[in-house]
Amino acid sequence: MSTKHLAPNTLLDTLRGSYALGSDSRCVYLTSGLHHTYQVLDTSGDKICRVYRRAWRSHDEALGELDVLDQLGRLGGSVAYPLRTAEGRLAIEYDTRQSSYTIALFRYAAGSAPGTAITLEQSHRLGAATAQLHRGLQNIAPIHTRAALDNKFLLDRSLATLAPMLPRGDHDELQRDTSWLRLNIPELPKQLPLFGLIHGDINLTNAHFCAGDITFIDFDQCGMGWYAFDLGKFFHASSALSAAMDLQQAFLRGYLSVRSLEEAEIKAIPFFVMYAHLYVMAIHAYNADYLVYRP
């Protein structure tokens, strides 16, 4: 079972020891997903604070994500990049009697995510922005602190995570399904221009729309992977919506207006939808106690 999230005042005192925050700044707890998220209201501008749970991300894994965002931010990428401490660090470590955390402060992403109310026009824009993001990520050094988002990770590891929670018959059936996926997905090499750094979780809530701008947030699942997997992730996230097919086609058209895909990549997208479904189930299973009992 997870420990409780840090009290906002406790977190603010910790942040003040490392970041240049005003004396009248305030900290507000927002939500808990796989990590804890807070908003810091400061005279120099609002900021977002993420408290990483070590049970999900090690300190090195968190730093890998933060380094990618730092590089993207310096290159002008439209991302919520981390702010550096007074000593130039991307994050700080914080220990309590119950747990240890990695804490990072981020640029505030203006606007809001469309969520399930996403329109065809927004979907098209998000597809184009995702293609621009992929172009930018090609200029970033690979992450070496995380496993690649490949068949071994997305299929084998996900299946192993789910195995203890499934009846034998269901596990066998899921194993047959993953074997079918592996055998039938179009072969995609693990190299550029098909494979590189990806966001890993393009969905309806990880991009903020503000006027004509889109800012990507939450790179918690980023790593080396197939670019087409990011498209499969969006298709998976939108699959339950009544206009799913139209939204997905708008997203794909937007993407292709900026960056081309090989025919094999486009054919692989429906398979990556199934990859994403398995991967999301495994994430929920791995964090089951926390997600069910979180405060």
Protein backbone atom coordinates (compact mmCIF):
# COMPACT_ATOMS: atom_id res chain seq x y z
CA MET A 1 0.00 0.00 0.00
CA SER A 2 1.29 3.47 -0.80
CA THR A 3 2.32 6.07 1.73
CA LYS A 4 0.40 9.31 1.83
CA HIS A 5 1.44 12.17 -0.40
CA LEU A 6 3.65 14.85 1.13
CA ALA A 7 1.87 17.72 2.86
CA PRO A 8 1.98 20.83 0.61
CA ASN A 9 3.67 22.96 3.29
CA THR A 10 6.32 20.30 3.88
CA LEU A 11 6.97 20.07 0.16
CA LEU A 12 7.13 23.86 -0.18
CA ASP A 13 9.73 24.11 2.59
CA THR A 14 11.78 21.48 0.78
CA LEU A 15 11.49 23.30 -2.54
CA ARG A 16 12.52 26.61 -1.02
CA GLY A 17 15.77 25.02 0.05
CA SER A 18 16.70 24.32 -3.56
CA TYR A 19 14.70 26.63 -5.86
CA ALA A 20 14.39 30.42 -6.00
CA LEU A 21 10.81 30.80 -4.77
CA GLY A 22 9.23 33.89 -3.28
CA SER A 23 8.53 34.10 0.43
CA ASP A 24 4.80 34.31 -0.26
CA SER A 25 4.69 31.34 -2.65
CA ARG A 26 2.08 28.65 -2.01
CA CYS A 27 1.84 24.95 -2.80
CA VAL A 28 -1.40 23.15 -3.63
CA TYR A 29 -1.86 19.40 -3.95
CA LEU A 30 -3.51 18.59 -7.29
CA THR A 31 -3.70 14.86 -7.89
CA SER A 32 -2.01 11.49 -7.73
CA GLY A 33 -1.55 9.36 -10.81
CA LEU A 34 1.49 7.13 -10.85
CA HIS A 35 3.18 10.01 -9.02
CA HIS A 36 2.02 12.97 -6.90
CA THR A 37 1.43 16.33 -8.59
CA TYR A 38 1.28 19.78 -7.02
CA GLN A 39 0.92 23.34 -8.25
CA VAL A 40 3.30 25.96 -6.91
CA LEU A 41 1.91 29.48 -7.05
CA ASP A 42 4.77 31.96 -7.11
CA THR A 43 5.22 35.63 -7.98
CA SER A 44 7.63 34.62 -10.77
CA GLY A 45 4.91 32.45 -12.33
CA ASP A 46 3.06 29.26 -11.51
CA LYS A 47 4.94 25.98 -11.65
CA ILE A 48 4.15 22.29 -11.44
CA CYS A 49 5.89 19.99 -8.99
CA ARG A 50 6.07 16.25 -9.45
CA VAL A 51 6.98 13.95 -6.59
CA TYR A 52 8.15 10.69 -8.17
CA ARG A 53 7.32 7.46 -6.35
CA ARG A 54 10.42 5.27 -6.14
CA ALA A 55 8.18 2.22 -6.18
CA TRP A 56 7.51 3.08 -9.83
CA ARG A 57 10.52 5.11 -10.98
CA SER A 58 14.03 4.94 -9.57
CA HIS A 59 15.97 8.18 -9.18
CA ASP A 60 18.02 7.37 -12.29
CA GLU A 61 14.89 6.60 -14.31
CA ALA A 62 13.35 9.92 -13.29
CA LEU A 63 16.56 11.75 -14.19
CA GLY A 64 16.50 10.11 -17.62
CA GLU A 65 13.07 11.62 -18.31
CA LEU A 66 14.10 15.00 -16.90
CA ASP A 67 17.26 15.09 -19.03
CA VAL A 68 15.21 14.48 -22.19
CA LEU A 69 12.81 17.28 -21.28
CA ASP A 70 15.69 19.60 -20.40
CA GLN A 71 17.29 19.00 -23.80
CA LEU A 72 13.97 19.47 -25.60
CA GLY A 73 13.33 22.70 -23.71
CA ARG A 74 16.75 24.10 -24.65
CA LEU A 75 16.05 23.22 -28.28
CA GLY A 76 12.75 25.11 -28.19
CA GLY A 77 10.50 22.07 -27.96
CA SER A 78 6.94 22.67 -26.83
CA VAL A 79 7.18 20.68 -23.60
CA ALA A 80 6.78 21.27 -19.89
CA TYR A 81 10.51 21.14 -19.14
CA PRO A 82 12.08 20.94 -15.68
CA LEU A 83 13.50 23.98 -13.90
CA ARG A 84 16.97 23.69 -12.44
CA THR A 85 17.80 24.14 -8.79
CA ALA A 86 20.10 26.89 -7.53
CA GLU A 87 22.92 24.34 -7.85
CA GLY A 88 21.96 23.47 -11.42
CA ARG A 89 20.35 20.10 -10.71
CA LEU A 90 17.26 18.78 -12.50
CA ALA A 91 15.76 17.27 -9.35
CA ILE A 92 16.24 16.82 -5.63
CA GLU A 93 16.00 13.72 -3.48
CA TYR A 94 13.80 13.65 -0.39
CA ASP A 95 13.60 10.91 2.21
CA THR A 96 10.99 10.23 4.88
CA ARG A 97 10.73 7.37 7.35
CA GLN A 98 8.25 5.67 5.03
CA SER A 99 9.67 6.33 1.59
CA SER A 100 12.15 8.12 -0.68
CA TYR A 101 11.19 10.47 -3.50
CA THR A 102 12.62 12.32 -6.46
CA ILE A 103 11.19 15.84 -6.67
CA ALA A 104 11.24 18.06 -9.75
CA LEU A 105 9.79 21.48 -10.54
CA PHE A 106 8.43 22.10 -14.06
CA ARG A 107 7.46 24.95 -16.29
CA TYR A 108 3.70 25.45 -16.04
CA ALA A 109 1.88 24.33 -19.20
CA ALA A 110 -0.80 26.91 -19.96
CA GLY A 111 -4.22 25.88 -21.23
CA SER A 112 -5.78 22.49 -20.70
CA ALA A 113 -6.03 19.01 -22.16
CA PRO A 114 -9.11 18.30 -24.29
CA GLY A 115 -9.80 14.92 -22.71
CA THR A 116 -12.78 13.03 -24.08
CA ALA A 117 -14.17 16.28 -25.53
CA ILE A 118 -11.39 16.37 -28.14
CA THR A 119 -12.54 17.64 -31.54
CA LEU A 120 -11.48 16.56 -35.01
CA GLU A 121 -9.57 19.82 -35.42
CA GLN A 122 -7.73 19.28 -32.12
CA SER A 123 -6.97 15.70 -33.05
CA HIS A 124 -5.46 16.83 -36.35
CA ARG A 125 -3.36 19.46 -34.56
CA LEU A 126 -2.23 16.92 -31.97
CA GLY A 127 -1.14 14.54 -34.72
CA ALA A 128 0.93 17.27 -36.36
CA ALA A 129 2.41 18.29 -33.00
CA THR A 130 3.33 14.67 -32.26
CA ALA A 131 5.21 14.47 -35.55
CA GLN A 132 7.06 17.70 -34.66
CA LEU A 133 7.85 16.21 -31.26
CA HIS A 134 9.29 13.09 -32.90
CA ARG A 135 11.49 15.27 -35.09
CA GLY A 136 12.77 17.06 -32.01
CA LEU A 137 13.37 13.84 -30.11
CA GLN A 138 15.67 12.64 -32.88
CA ASN A 139 18.11 15.32 -31.72
CA ILE A 140 18.17 14.07 -28.13
CA ALA A 141 20.61 11.56 -26.68
CA PRO A 142 19.04 8.15 -25.94
CA ILE A 143 17.88 7.23 -22.44
CA HIS A 144 20.04 4.47 -20.98
CA THR A 145 18.27 4.22 -17.62
CA ARG A 146 15.16 2.51 -18.99
CA ALA A 147 14.38 -0.60 -20.99
CA ALA A 148 13.48 0.02 -24.62
CA LEU A 149 9.77 -0.01 -25.46
CA ASP A 150 10.16 -3.04 -27.70
CA ASN A 151 8.59 -6.52 -27.90
CA LYS A 152 10.51 -7.76 -24.87
CA PHE A 153 9.25 -4.90 -22.71
CA LEU A 154 5.76 -4.26 -24.08
CA LEU A 155 4.78 -7.90 -24.58
CA ASP A 156 6.96 -10.22 -22.50
CA ARG A 157 7.35 -8.01 -19.44
CA SER A 158 3.69 -6.99 -19.48
CA LEU A 159 2.62 -10.63 -19.68
CA ALA A 160 4.94 -11.55 -16.79
CA THR A 161 3.51 -8.71 -14.69
CA LEU A 162 -0.07 -9.84 -15.33
CA ALA A 163 0.57 -13.56 -14.86
CA PRO A 164 0.16 -13.73 -11.04
CA MET A 165 -3.21 -11.98 -11.28
CA LEU A 166 -4.78 -14.15 -13.96
CA PRO A 167 -6.42 -17.57 -13.75
CA ARG A 168 -4.35 -20.18 -15.59
CA GLY A 169 -6.73 -20.37 -18.53
CA ASP A 170 -6.84 -16.58 -19.00
CA HIS A 171 -3.06 -16.39 -18.78
CA ASP A 172 -2.65 -19.08 -21.44
CA GLU A 173 -5.08 -17.29 -23.73
CA LEU A 174 -3.27 -13.97 -23.26
CA GLN A 175 0.03 -15.69 -23.95
CA ARG A 176 -1.35 -17.04 -27.22
CA ASP A 177 -2.57 -13.54 -28.12
CA THR A 178 0.84 -11.98 -27.49
CA SER A 179 2.50 -14.70 -29.54
CA TRP A 180 0.09 -13.93 -32.38
CA LEU A 181 0.90 -10.23 -32.14
CA ARG A 182 4.63 -10.89 -32.28
CA LEU A 183 4.27 -13.13 -35.34
CA ASN A 184 1.87 -10.92 -37.30
CA ILE A 185 2.92 -7.31 -36.69
CA PRO A 186 4.86 -5.93 -39.68
CA GLU A 187 8.59 -6.18 -39.07
CA LEU A 188 9.98 -2.82 -38.01
CA PRO A 189 13.73 -2.36 -37.49
CA LYS A 190 14.94 -0.90 -34.19
CA GLN A 191 16.75 2.01 -35.78
CA LEU A 192 16.10 5.41 -37.33
CA PRO A 193 13.93 6.54 -39.01
CA LEU A 194 11.42 4.10 -37.47
CA PHE A 195 12.82 3.72 -33.95
CA GLY A 196 14.11 6.35 -31.54
CA LEU A 197 13.10 8.36 -28.49
CA ILE A 198 9.32 8.54 -28.10
CA HIS A 199 6.87 10.09 -25.64
CA GLY A 200 5.38 6.70 -24.85
CA ASP A 201 1.97 7.95 -23.72
CA ILE A 202 0.31 10.18 -26.31
CA ASN A 203 -3.29 10.35 -25.13
CA LEU A 204 -6.18 12.74 -24.49
CA THR A 205 -4.69 14.34 -21.38
CA ASN A 206 -0.93 14.63 -21.95
CA ALA A 207 -1.03 17.70 -24.19
CA HIS A 208 -2.31 21.14 -23.19
CA PHE A 209 -3.98 23.31 -25.82
CA CYS A 210 -3.68 27.07 -25.38
CA ALA A 211 -4.73 29.32 -28.28
CA GLY A 212 -2.55 28.14 -31.18
CA ASP A 213 -0.03 26.28 -29.05
CA ILE A 214 0.22 22.70 -27.83
CA THR A 215 2.47 21.78 -24.90
CA PHE A 216 3.28 18.15 -24.19
CA ILE A 217 3.40 17.03 -20.56
CA ASP A 218 4.04 13.82 -18.61
CA PHE A 219 6.95 11.99 -20.23
CA ASP A 220 6.90 9.35 -17.48
CA GLN A 221 6.73 6.53 -20.05
CA CYS A 222 9.25 7.96 -22.52
CA GLY A 223 12.07 5.82 -23.85
CA MET A 224 13.48 4.28 -26.98
CA GLY A 225 10.70 2.82 -29.09
CA TRP A 226 8.96 2.75 -32.45
CA TYR A 227 7.48 6.10 -33.44
CA ALA A 228 4.37 4.29 -34.65
CA PHE A 229 3.79 3.11 -31.07
CA ASP A 230 3.02 6.69 -30.06
CA LEU A 231 0.31 6.72 -32.73
CA GLY A 232 -0.99 3.39 -31.47
CA LYS A 233 -1.13 4.88 -27.96
CA PHE A 234 -3.37 7.72 -29.17
CA PHE A 235 -5.57 5.30 -31.11
CA HIS A 236 -5.88 3.19 -27.96
CA ALA A 237 -6.70 6.21 -25.76
CA SER A 238 -9.42 7.38 -28.15
CA SER A 239 -10.87 3.96 -28.98
CA ALA A 240 -13.83 4.22 -26.59
CA LEU A 241 -15.05 7.55 -27.99
CA SER A 242 -18.07 7.57 -30.29
CA ALA A 243 -16.10 9.37 -33.02
CA ALA A 244 -12.99 7.23 -32.50
CA MET A 245 -12.37 6.34 -36.13
CA ASP A 246 -12.76 9.92 -37.36
CA LEU A 247 -10.53 11.24 -34.56
CA GLN A 248 -7.86 8.67 -35.30
CA GLN A 249 -7.88 9.42 -39.00
CA ALA A 250 -7.65 13.15 -38.26
CA PHE A 251 -4.68 12.49 -35.97
CA LEU A 252 -2.97 10.38 -38.63
CA ARG A 253 -3.55 13.02 -41.32
CA GLY A 254 -2.10 15.66 -39.04
CA TYR A 255 0.93 13.52 -38.35
CA LEU A 256 1.54 12.78 -42.03
CA SER A 257 1.29 16.48 -42.87
CA VAL A 258 4.56 16.94 -40.96
CA ARG A 259 6.40 13.62 -41.01
CA SER A 260 6.12 10.67 -43.35
CA LEU A 261 5.64 7.08 -42.26
CA GLU A 262 6.58 3.94 -44.10
CA GLU A 263 3.73 1.66 -45.19
CA ALA A 264 4.82 -0.96 -42.66
CA GLU A 265 4.54 1.62 -39.84
CA ILE A 266 0.99 2.53 -40.79
CA LYS A 267 0.04 -1.15 -40.99
CA ALA A 268 1.59 -1.69 -37.55
CA ILE A 269 -0.57 0.94 -35.81
CA PRO A 270 -3.55 -1.40 -35.13
CA PHE A 271 -1.12 -3.92 -33.64
CA PHE A 272 0.37 -1.20 -31.44
CA VAL A 273 -3.15 -0.43 -30.19
CA MET A 274 -3.18 -3.97 -28.81
CA TYR A 275 0.37 -3.55 -27.48
CA ALA A 276 -0.81 -0.41 -25.68
CA HIS A 277 -3.79 -2.20 -24.17
CA LEU A 278 -1.56 -4.93 -22.75
CA TYR A 279 1.00 -2.39 -21.52
CA VAL A 280 -1.61 -0.25 -19.77
CA MET A 281 -3.08 -3.32 -18.07
CA ALA A 282 0.41 -4.25 -16.85
CA ILE A 283 1.04 -0.75 -15.49
CA HIS A 284 -2.20 -0.94 -13.53
CA ALA A 285 -1.35 -4.41 -12.29
CA TYR A 286 2.16 -3.42 -11.20
CA ASN A 287 0.77 -0.43 -9.28
CA ALA A 288 -2.44 -2.14 -8.16
CA ASP A 289 -2.07 -1.55 -4.42
CA TYR A 290 -1.20 2.11 -4.89
CA LEU A 291 -3.88 2.85 -7.48
CA VAL A 292 -6.60 1.17 -5.42
CA TYR A 293 -5.59 2.45 -1.99
CA ARG A 294 -3.87 5.75 -2.73
CA PRO A 295 -4.92 8.56 -0.35
